[in-house]
Amino acid sequence: MISVKDMADLVYVYDAYITINKALFGDAMLLGFHEGNFGTISRIFNVIERNVADELKKDDYRVTWEILDDFSLKPEERARRLLGGIDAI
C-alpha cells in the first residue's frame, strides 16, 4: 500500500489532468492510453485504482471516483479516504 502523501500527489495529478482536459476539450473527455501523450497521462487512473483500499474496489470503483471528484475536499483528505481512512465510505 502506498503512503497518504504519495496518494495525495496522485490526487493532485488527477485534478490537474481533469482541469487541463476540460480546458482543451470543453468537458472531461476520456481518451485511451494509446491516444497520444494526453491519453498516456490518463494511466494515472490505473495507478490510483490499484492502490485504493480494498473496500473501495467493489462496485467497479464507483466510490473511488466519487471521492476523487469531491473537490470540496483537499487532495490530502481525498487521499486519506481513498486509502481507507475514517469516513472513507
C-alpha atoms as a PDB file:
ATOM      1  CA  MET A   1       0.000   0.000   0.000  1.00  0.00           C
ATOM      2  CA  ILE A   2       1.279   3.473  -0.790  1.00  0.00           C
ATOM      3  CA  SER A   3       1.545   6.311   1.693  1.00  0.00           C
ATOM      4  CA  VAL A   4      -1.053   9.044   2.137  1.00  0.00           C
ATOM      5  CA  LYS A   5       1.494  11.547   0.799  1.00  0.00           C
ATOM      6  CA  ASP A   6       2.025   9.527  -2.384  1.00  0.00           C
ATOM      7  CA  MET A   7      -1.734   9.117  -2.891  1.00  0.00           C
ATOM      8  CA  ALA A   8      -2.202  12.859  -2.309  1.00  0.00           C
ATOM      9  CA  ASP A   9       0.370  13.507  -5.044  1.00  0.00           C
ATOM     10  CA  LEU A  10      -1.626  11.229  -7.365  1.00  0.00           C
ATOM     11  CA  VAL A  11      -4.812  13.137  -6.494  1.00  0.00           C
ATOM     12  CA  TYR A  12      -3.076  16.431  -7.350  1.00  0.00           C
ATOM     13  CA  VAL A  13      -2.067  14.964 -10.733  1.00  0.00           C
ATOM     14  CA  TYR A  14      -5.633  13.701 -11.244  1.00  0.00           C
ATOM     15  CA  ASP A  15      -7.006  17.190 -10.506  1.00  0.00           C
ATOM     16  CA  ALA A  16      -4.558  18.755 -12.970  1.00  0.00           C
ATOM     17  CA  TYR A  17      -5.473  16.181 -15.621  1.00  0.00           C
ATOM     18  CA  ILE A  18      -9.187  16.961 -15.245  1.00  0.00           C
ATOM     19  CA  THR A  19      -8.568  20.737 -15.337  1.00  0.00           C
ATOM     20  CA  ILE A  20      -6.403  20.540 -18.468  1.00  0.00           C
ATOM     21  CA  ASN A  21      -8.810  18.092 -20.099  1.00  0.00           C
ATOM     22  CA  LYS A  22     -11.736  20.471 -19.577  1.00  0.00           C
ATOM     23  CA  ALA A  23      -9.698  23.430 -20.833  1.00  0.00           C
ATOM     24  CA  LEU A  24      -8.718  21.599 -24.010  1.00  0.00           C
ATOM     25  CA  PHE A  25     -11.962  19.812 -24.813  1.00  0.00           C
ATOM     26  CA  GLY A  26     -14.634  21.868 -23.033  1.00  0.00           C
ATOM     27  CA  ASP A  27     -15.571  18.938 -20.809  1.00  0.00           C
ATOM     28  CA  ALA A  28     -13.740  15.950 -19.410  1.00  0.00           C
ATOM     29  CA  MET A  29     -13.121  13.598 -22.309  1.00  0.00           C
ATOM     30  CA  LEU A  30     -11.994  10.015 -21.873  1.00  0.00           C
ATOM     31  CA  LEU A  31      -9.019   9.078 -24.007  1.00  0.00           C
ATOM     32  CA  GLY A  32      -7.493   5.651 -24.466  1.00  0.00           C
ATOM     33  CA  PHE A  33      -3.943   5.040 -23.316  1.00  0.00           C
ATOM     34  CA  HIS A  34      -2.876   4.760 -26.948  1.00  0.00           C
ATOM     35  CA  GLU A  35      -4.294   8.187 -27.872  1.00  0.00           C
ATOM     36  CA  GLY A  36      -1.225  10.386 -27.696  1.00  0.00           C
ATOM     37  CA  ASN A  37       0.513  11.944 -24.744  1.00  0.00           C
ATOM     38  CA  PHE A  38      -2.678  13.056 -23.062  1.00  0.00           C
ATOM     39  CA  GLY A  39      -4.083   9.545 -23.292  1.00  0.00           C
ATOM     40  CA  THR A  40      -0.866   8.215 -21.803  1.00  0.00           C
ATOM     41  CA  ILE A  41      -1.167  10.567 -18.834  1.00  0.00           C
ATOM     42  CA  SER A  42      -4.615   9.109 -18.149  1.00  0.00           C
ATOM     43  CA  ARG A  43      -2.810   5.995 -16.874  1.00  0.00           C
ATOM     44  CA  ILE A  44      -2.855   7.852 -13.560  1.00  0.00           C
ATOM     45  CA  PHE A  45      -6.364   6.418 -13.150  1.00  0.00           C
ATOM     46  CA  ASN A  46      -4.987   2.870 -13.127  1.00  0.00           C
ATOM     47  CA  VAL A  47      -2.335   3.735 -10.549  1.00  0.00           C
ATOM     48  CA  ILE A  48      -4.975   5.215  -8.259  1.00  0.00           C
ATOM     49  CA  GLU A  49      -7.333   2.254  -8.695  1.00  0.00           C
ATOM     50  CA  ARG A  50      -4.583  -0.271  -7.931  1.00  0.00           C
ATOM     51  CA  ASN A  51      -3.772   1.468  -4.655  1.00  0.00           C
ATOM     52  CA  VAL A  52      -7.143   2.276  -3.093  1.00  0.00           C
ATOM     53  CA  ALA A  53      -8.430   0.386  -0.075  1.00  0.00           C
ATOM     54  CA  ASP A  54      -9.962  -2.985  -0.934  1.00  0.00           C
ATOM     55  CA  GLU A  55     -13.460  -1.947   0.173  1.00  0.00           C
ATOM     56  CA  LEU A  56     -13.441   0.806  -2.478  1.00  0.00           C
ATOM     57  CA  LYS A  57     -12.820  -1.687  -5.271  1.00  0.00           C
ATOM     58  CA  LYS A  58     -16.378  -3.007  -5.028  1.00  0.00           C
ATOM     59  CA  ASP A  59     -18.996  -1.758  -7.468  1.00  0.00           C
ATOM     60  CA  ASP A  60     -16.442  -1.122 -10.214  1.00  0.00           C
ATOM     61  CA  TYR A  61     -14.631   1.583  -8.211  1.00  0.00           C
ATOM     62  CA  ARG A  62     -17.753   3.793  -8.105  1.00  0.00           C
ATOM     63  CA  VAL A  63     -16.949   5.073  -4.600  1.00  0.00           C
ATOM     64  CA  THR A  64     -13.331   5.719  -5.620  1.00  0.00           C
ATOM     65  CA  TRP A  65     -14.439   8.104  -8.354  1.00  0.00           C
ATOM     66  CA  GLU A  66     -16.984   9.768  -6.058  1.00  0.00           C
ATOM     67  CA  ILE A  67     -14.168  10.524  -3.613  1.00  0.00           C
ATOM     68  CA  LEU A  68     -11.806  11.711  -6.350  1.00  0.00           C
ATOM     69  CA  ASP A  69     -14.444  14.013  -7.813  1.00  0.00           C
ATOM     70  CA  ASP A  70     -15.366  15.573  -4.449  1.00  0.00           C
ATOM     71  CA  PHE A  71     -13.497  18.828  -4.999  1.00  0.00           C
ATOM     72  CA  SER A  72     -14.908  20.225  -1.741  1.00  0.00           C
ATOM     73  CA  LEU A  73     -12.207  18.130  -0.025  1.00  0.00           C
ATOM     74  CA  LYS A  74      -8.498  18.895  -0.194  1.00  0.00           C
ATOM     75  CA  PRO A  75      -6.372  16.328  -2.043  1.00  0.00           C
ATOM     76  CA  GLU A  76      -4.840  15.145   1.232  1.00  0.00           C
ATOM     77  CA  GLU A  77      -8.295  14.363   2.662  1.00  0.00           C
ATOM     78  CA  ARG A  78      -9.350  12.563  -0.502  1.00  0.00           C
ATOM     79  CA  ALA A  79      -6.108  10.576  -0.316  1.00  0.00           C
ATOM     80  CA  ARG A  80      -6.835   9.501   3.273  1.00  0.00           C
ATOM     81  CA  ARG A  81     -10.328   8.401   2.274  1.00  0.00           C
ATOM     82  CA  LEU A  82      -9.039   6.533  -0.761  1.00  0.00           C
ATOM     83  CA  LEU A  83      -6.665   4.608   1.480  1.00  0.00           C
ATOM     84  CA  GLY A  84      -9.456   3.603   3.846  1.00  0.00           C
ATOM     85  CA  GLY A  85      -9.213   6.371   6.419  1.00  0.00           C
ATOM     86  CA  ILE A  86     -12.036   7.303   8.763  1.00  0.00           C
ATOM     87  CA  ASP A  87     -15.246   8.168   6.921  1.00  0.00           C
ATOM     88  CA  ALA A  88     -13.802   6.617   3.765  1.00  0.00           C
ATOM     89  CA  ILE A  89     -17.113   5.206   2.606  1.00  0.00           C
END
